[in-house]
Amino acid sequence: MAALIQSIEAILVDIPTIRPHKLSMTTMGVQTMVIVRIKDSDGLEGLGEAT
């Protein structure tokens, strides 16, 4: 039988930049990343990353 997805969790992480990024309207000192955790009914867990 196929495993079913039990949960999906998205975690936001602010990662500081090495130096501030200067844009026309603002300066960015951190970059927000998304970590995604998926768990299935067989107990397997996977992690992914998005911007």
N, C-alpha and C. Protein backbone atom coordinates (compact mmCIF):
# COMPACT_ATOMS: atom_id res chain seq x y z
N MET A 1 0.84 -1.18 0.00
CA MET A 1 0.00 0.00 0.00
C MET A 1 0.89 1.25 0.00
N ALA A 2 0.45 2.27 -0.68
CA ALA A 2 1.24 3.50 -0.79
C ALA A 2 1.18 4.29 0.51
N ALA A 3 2.28 4.93 0.82
CA ALA A 3 2.35 5.80 2.00
C ALA A 3 1.55 7.08 1.75
N LEU A 4 0.95 7.61 2.79
CA LEU A 4 0.19 8.85 2.71
C LEU A 4 0.91 9.95 3.46
N ILE A 5 0.78 11.16 2.97
CA ILE A 5 1.38 12.31 3.65
C ILE A 5 0.62 12.57 4.94
N GLN A 6 1.33 12.60 6.05
CA GLN A 6 0.73 12.84 7.36
C GLN A 6 0.78 14.31 7.75
N SER A 7 1.90 14.99 7.41
CA SER A 7 2.01 16.40 7.78
C SER A 7 2.99 17.12 6.87
N ILE A 8 2.72 18.39 6.70
CA ILE A 8 3.62 19.30 5.97
C ILE A 8 3.81 20.51 6.87
N GLU A 9 5.06 20.86 7.12
CA GLU A 9 5.38 21.99 7.99
C GLU A 9 6.31 22.95 7.24
N ALA A 10 5.98 24.23 7.26
CA ALA A 10 6.83 25.25 6.64
C ALA A 10 7.41 26.11 7.76
N ILE A 11 8.74 26.25 7.76
CA ILE A 11 9.45 26.99 8.80
C ILE A 11 10.20 28.14 8.13
N LEU A 12 9.93 29.37 8.55
CA LEU A 12 10.64 30.54 8.02
C LEU A 12 11.91 30.77 8.83
N VAL A 13 13.01 30.98 8.13
CA VAL A 13 14.30 31.21 8.77
C VAL A 13 14.90 32.48 8.18
N ASP A 14 15.26 33.44 9.03
CA ASP A 14 15.95 34.65 8.57
C ASP A 14 17.45 34.43 8.70
N ILE A 15 18.13 34.42 7.57
CA ILE A 15 19.57 34.19 7.53
C ILE A 15 20.26 35.51 7.27
N PRO A 16 21.17 35.93 8.16
CA PRO A 16 21.86 37.20 7.93
C PRO A 16 22.78 37.12 6.71
N THR A 17 22.84 38.22 5.98
CA THR A 17 23.73 38.27 4.81
C THR A 17 25.14 38.63 5.27
N ILE A 18 26.12 38.32 4.45
CA ILE A 18 27.51 38.64 4.79
C ILE A 18 27.70 40.16 4.90
N ARG A 19 27.06 40.87 3.99
CA ARG A 19 27.06 42.34 4.03
C ARG A 19 25.68 42.80 3.56
N PRO A 20 25.24 43.97 3.96
CA PRO A 20 23.91 44.45 3.55
C PRO A 20 23.80 44.59 2.03
N HIS A 21 22.67 44.20 1.48
CA HIS A 21 22.39 44.37 0.06
C HIS A 21 21.61 45.67 -0.11
N LYS A 22 22.19 46.62 -0.83
CA LYS A 22 21.54 47.91 -1.03
C LYS A 22 20.71 47.89 -2.30
N LEU A 23 19.40 48.12 -2.13
CA LEU A 23 18.48 48.20 -3.24
C LEU A 23 18.07 49.66 -3.41
N SER A 24 17.29 49.97 -4.42
CA SER A 24 16.92 51.36 -4.67
C SER A 24 16.07 51.95 -3.55
N MET A 25 15.22 51.14 -2.93
CA MET A 25 14.30 51.65 -1.91
C MET A 25 14.66 51.24 -0.48
N THR A 26 15.54 50.24 -0.31
CA THR A 26 15.81 49.72 1.03
C THR A 26 17.16 49.01 1.06
N THR A 27 17.58 48.62 2.23
CA THR A 27 18.78 47.81 2.41
C THR A 27 18.37 46.53 3.12
N MET A 28 18.79 45.39 2.57
CA MET A 28 18.45 44.10 3.16
C MET A 28 19.63 43.55 3.94
N GLY A 29 19.39 43.21 5.22
CA GLY A 29 20.44 42.63 6.05
C GLY A 29 20.23 41.15 6.31
N VAL A 30 19.05 40.64 5.94
CA VAL A 30 18.75 39.21 6.09
C VAL A 30 18.03 38.72 4.85
N GLN A 31 18.10 37.42 4.64
CA GLN A 31 17.34 36.78 3.56
C GLN A 31 16.45 35.72 4.20
N THR A 32 15.17 35.77 3.92
CA THR A 32 14.24 34.81 4.49
C THR A 32 14.17 33.57 3.59
N MET A 33 14.37 32.42 4.21
CA MET A 33 14.29 31.14 3.51
C MET A 33 13.15 30.34 4.11
N VAL A 34 12.64 29.39 3.35
CA VAL A 34 11.58 28.51 3.83
C VAL A 34 12.13 27.09 3.88
N ILE A 35 12.05 26.46 5.04
CA ILE A 35 12.39 25.06 5.19
C ILE A 35 11.07 24.30 5.24
N VAL A 36 10.93 23.25 4.42
CA VAL A 36 9.70 22.47 4.35
C VAL A 36 10.01 21.06 4.86
N ARG A 37 9.20 20.60 5.81
CA ARG A 37 9.34 19.24 6.36
C ARG A 37 8.07 18.46 6.04
N ILE A 38 8.23 17.32 5.40
CA ILE A 38 7.10 16.45 5.06
C ILE A 38 7.30 15.11 5.74
N LYS A 39 6.25 14.62 6.41
CA LYS A 39 6.27 13.31 7.06
C LYS A 39 5.17 12.45 6.45
N ASP A 40 5.48 11.14 6.28
CA ASP A 40 4.46 10.26 5.72
C ASP A 40 4.04 9.18 6.72
N SER A 41 3.05 8.38 6.34
CA SER A 41 2.48 7.37 7.23
C SER A 41 3.44 6.22 7.52
N ASP A 42 4.50 6.07 6.74
CA ASP A 42 5.52 5.04 7.00
C ASP A 42 6.59 5.53 7.96
N GLY A 43 6.49 6.77 8.39
CA GLY A 43 7.49 7.32 9.32
C GLY A 43 8.67 8.00 8.64
N LEU A 44 8.63 8.07 7.32
CA LEU A 44 9.73 8.74 6.61
C LEU A 44 9.53 10.25 6.69
N GLU A 45 10.65 10.95 6.68
CA GLU A 45 10.63 12.41 6.78
C GLU A 45 11.58 12.99 5.74
N GLY A 46 11.14 14.07 5.09
CA GLY A 46 12.00 14.73 4.11
C GLY A 46 12.04 16.22 4.36
N LEU A 47 13.16 16.84 4.06
CA LEU A 47 13.33 18.29 4.21
C LEU A 47 13.63 18.89 2.86
N GLY A 48 13.11 20.10 2.65
CA GLY A 48 13.38 20.83 1.41
C GLY A 48 13.57 22.30 1.72
N GLU A 49 13.99 23.07 0.74
CA GLU A 49 14.30 24.49 0.93
C GLU A 49 13.71 25.27 -0.23
N ALA A 50 13.22 26.46 0.08
CA ALA A 50 12.69 27.35 -0.94
C ALA A 50 13.09 28.79 -0.59
N THR A 51 13.03 29.69 -1.55
CA THR A 51 13.35 31.09 -1.26
C THR A 51 12.08 31.91 -1.24
